[in-house]
Amino acid sequence: MKNSLKLKELSVGSGFAWPDTRILKDNGFEVTVGSSENLINMLEKKRFALFPRAIHEPWSEVSGRTELVVEENLGLCYPVAMYFFTNQHNSRLRERLQYGLEKAIEDGSFDTLFATHPITADVLSLAHFEQRKVLPLQNEGITARTRQVFNTPSLVWQPVFDCVKRFNPQL
């Protein structure tokens, strides 16, 4: 795939309430929407050609599915964040989570966990993110808080931070 125009000729699958769905549509993709439980089956049945996934997701999802493969050369890059949500009345939990995460980032234990946790450890070597041809997408719906996060390098995995900043300098 030489450019994003060719890629945009292929239909993609995405979830009903996922921020990715709006981002993909806003960037000119034809998006087939489904429930998260059904999207892999829909891909197998060729309801769409591509199913963009977060960097840690595709290998476990295609495991044991002989008709599906993880594309090895391309990546999409756009700013979107993952957050912890707590009950609005449980400020103590929110404060403890924030304190703990900030301390873990500060002392390096967050990066250690990220690099060694079973969900992410193998992904980093499988993804070879830095070697992929990256197709940048814009996220017009990014919130001020997410913009702030993407301007804080310690809060974003470095290859993603570099990618987002390179293609979205306005952040």
Protein backbone atom coordinates (compact mmCIF):
# COMPACT_ATOMS: atom_id res chain seq x y z
CA MET A 1 0.00 0.00 0.00
CA LYS A 2 1.80 3.11 -1.20
CA ASN A 3 -0.46 5.81 0.19
CA SER A 4 -3.48 6.55 2.30
CA LEU A 5 -5.73 7.03 -0.74
CA LYS A 6 -5.26 3.39 -1.73
CA LEU A 7 -5.86 2.29 1.85
CA LYS A 8 -9.04 4.37 2.00
CA GLU A 9 -10.42 2.35 -0.92
CA LEU A 10 -10.73 -0.57 1.51
CA SER A 11 -13.59 -0.77 3.98
CA VAL A 12 -12.77 -0.93 7.68
CA GLY A 13 -14.60 -2.26 10.71
CA SER A 14 -14.97 -0.38 13.98
CA GLY A 15 -17.11 -0.40 17.11
CA PHE A 16 -20.38 1.44 17.71
CA ALA A 17 -19.20 3.89 20.37
CA TRP A 18 -15.47 3.81 19.73
CA PRO A 19 -13.71 7.16 19.16
CA ASP A 20 -11.83 5.43 16.34
CA THR A 21 -15.06 5.14 14.33
CA ARG A 22 -15.49 8.91 14.11
CA ILE A 23 -11.77 9.42 13.45
CA LEU A 24 -11.78 6.89 10.60
CA LYS A 25 -14.93 8.39 9.05
CA ASP A 26 -13.61 11.95 9.40
CA ASN A 27 -10.46 10.85 7.59
CA GLY A 28 -12.38 9.47 4.61
CA PHE A 29 -12.63 5.76 5.38
CA GLU A 30 -15.73 3.71 4.63
CA VAL A 31 -16.55 2.26 8.05
CA THR A 32 -18.72 -0.74 8.83
CA VAL A 33 -19.84 -0.49 12.44
CA GLY A 34 -20.54 -3.43 14.69
CA SER A 35 -20.49 -4.57 18.29
CA SER A 36 -17.07 -5.33 19.69
CA GLU A 37 -18.10 -8.96 20.22
CA ASN A 38 -18.93 -9.42 16.51
CA LEU A 39 -16.25 -7.45 14.67
CA ILE A 40 -13.70 -10.27 14.38
CA ASN A 41 -16.39 -12.60 13.02
CA MET A 42 -17.50 -9.88 10.61
CA LEU A 43 -13.92 -9.54 9.38
CA GLU A 44 -13.68 -13.30 8.85
CA LYS A 45 -16.90 -13.14 6.83
CA LYS A 46 -15.39 -10.33 4.73
CA ARG A 47 -17.95 -7.70 5.73
CA PHE A 48 -14.98 -5.32 5.59
CA ALA A 49 -11.33 -5.62 4.56
CA LEU A 50 -9.48 -4.10 7.51
CA PHE A 51 -9.97 -3.99 11.25
CA PRO A 52 -7.65 -1.38 12.78
CA ARG A 53 -6.60 -2.36 16.29
CA ALA A 54 -4.61 -0.80 19.08
CA ILE A 55 -1.03 -1.96 19.08
CA HIS A 56 -1.59 -4.47 21.89
CA GLU A 57 -4.74 -6.09 20.52
CA PRO A 58 -4.44 -7.94 17.20
CA TRP A 59 -2.21 -10.92 17.97
CA SER A 60 -4.42 -12.41 20.66
CA GLU A 61 -7.53 -11.66 18.61
CA VAL A 62 -6.36 -13.53 15.50
CA SER A 63 -4.79 -16.40 17.41
CA GLY A 64 -6.33 -19.63 16.15
CA ARG A 65 -8.12 -17.91 13.27
CA THR A 66 -6.45 -19.22 10.14
CA GLU A 67 -8.23 -16.78 7.81
CA LEU A 68 -6.85 -13.68 9.56
CA VAL A 69 -3.38 -12.17 9.76
CA VAL A 70 -1.88 -9.09 11.35
CA GLU A 71 -0.61 -6.73 8.66
CA GLU A 72 3.14 -6.31 9.16
CA ASN A 73 4.11 -3.13 7.33
CA LEU A 74 1.50 -0.45 7.98
CA GLY A 75 0.30 1.48 10.97
CA LEU A 76 -2.25 4.20 11.53
CA CYS A 77 -1.27 7.05 13.79
CA TYR A 78 -3.71 9.40 15.47
CA PRO A 79 -4.06 10.95 18.89
CA VAL A 80 -6.54 9.16 21.11
CA ALA A 81 -6.20 8.38 24.78
CA MET A 82 -7.19 5.63 27.18
CA TYR A 83 -8.34 6.73 30.61
CA PHE A 84 -9.33 5.25 33.93
CA PHE A 85 -12.89 6.15 34.87
CA THR A 86 -14.16 6.06 38.41
CA ASN A 87 -17.48 6.74 40.04
CA GLN A 88 -17.81 10.50 40.36
CA HIS A 89 -18.55 10.10 44.07
CA ASN A 90 -15.41 8.08 44.77
CA SER A 91 -12.86 10.88 44.83
CA ARG A 92 -10.57 8.88 47.13
CA LEU A 93 -10.18 6.13 44.53
CA ARG A 94 -9.56 8.70 41.79
CA GLU A 95 -6.93 10.45 43.90
CA ARG A 96 -5.20 7.17 44.82
CA LEU A 97 -5.12 6.02 41.19
CA GLN A 98 -3.71 9.33 40.05
CA TYR A 99 -1.13 9.40 42.84
CA GLY A 100 -0.07 5.81 42.20
CA LEU A 101 0.24 6.26 38.45
CA GLU A 102 2.20 9.50 38.82
CA LYS A 103 4.59 7.83 41.29
CA ALA A 104 5.01 4.80 39.02
CA ILE A 105 5.82 7.06 36.07
CA GLU A 106 8.22 9.09 38.19
CA ASP A 107 10.15 6.09 39.57
CA GLY A 108 10.16 4.13 36.30
CA SER A 109 8.06 1.22 37.54
CA PHE A 110 5.27 2.05 35.08
CA ASP A 111 7.66 1.66 32.13
CA THR A 112 8.99 -1.57 33.63
CA LEU A 113 5.48 -2.94 33.99
CA PHE A 114 4.60 -1.81 30.45
CA ALA A 115 7.67 -3.57 29.04
CA THR A 116 7.16 -6.80 30.99
CA HIS A 117 3.40 -7.23 31.45
CA PRO A 118 1.97 -10.26 29.59
CA ILE A 119 -0.41 -8.06 27.58
CA THR A 120 2.30 -5.72 26.30
CA ALA A 121 5.68 -7.48 26.55
CA ASP A 122 5.39 -9.62 23.42
CA VAL A 123 3.53 -6.91 21.55
CA LEU A 124 6.49 -4.58 21.58
CA SER A 125 8.64 -7.12 19.77
CA LEU A 126 5.85 -8.35 17.47
CA ALA A 127 4.70 -4.92 16.36
CA HIS A 128 8.07 -3.51 15.26
CA PHE A 129 6.21 -0.21 15.35
CA GLU A 130 9.21 1.93 14.44
CA GLN A 131 9.68 0.01 11.16
CA ARG A 132 6.13 0.39 9.88
CA LYS A 133 5.00 2.84 7.22
CA VAL A 134 2.75 5.10 9.21
CA LEU A 135 -0.34 6.72 7.76
CA PRO A 136 -1.30 9.74 9.85
CA LEU A 137 -4.91 10.53 10.65
CA GLN A 138 -6.34 13.65 12.24
CA ASN A 139 -8.55 13.58 15.32
CA GLU A 140 -10.66 16.72 15.22
CA GLY A 141 -12.58 15.65 18.31
CA ILE A 142 -9.60 15.56 20.64
CA THR A 143 -10.36 17.10 24.01
CA ALA A 144 -8.29 19.75 25.75
CA ARG A 145 -7.34 17.18 28.41
CA THR A 146 -6.13 14.68 25.82
CA ARG A 147 -4.22 17.46 24.07
CA GLN A 148 -2.53 18.17 27.41
CA VAL A 149 -1.65 14.48 27.83
CA PHE A 150 -0.09 14.33 24.37
CA ASN A 151 2.07 17.31 25.29
CA THR A 152 3.48 15.40 28.27
CA PRO A 153 6.02 12.88 26.94
CA SER A 154 6.13 10.88 30.18
CA LEU A 155 2.43 10.04 29.77
CA VAL A 156 2.67 8.61 26.26
CA TRP A 157 4.67 5.61 24.99
CA GLN A 158 7.63 7.21 23.20
CA PRO A 159 7.07 5.79 19.67
CA VAL A 160 3.44 6.89 19.81
CA PHE A 161 4.40 10.29 21.23
CA ASP A 162 6.90 10.81 18.40
CA CYS A 163 4.39 9.68 15.78
CA VAL A 164 1.54 11.82 17.05
CA LYS A 165 3.74 14.90 17.42
CA ARG A 166 5.25 14.43 13.96
CA PHE A 167 1.88 14.20 12.23
CA ASN A 168 -0.14 16.43 14.56
CA PRO A 169 2.18 19.34 15.39
CA GLN A 170 -0.78 21.49 16.46
CA LEU A 171 -1.16 19.42 19.64
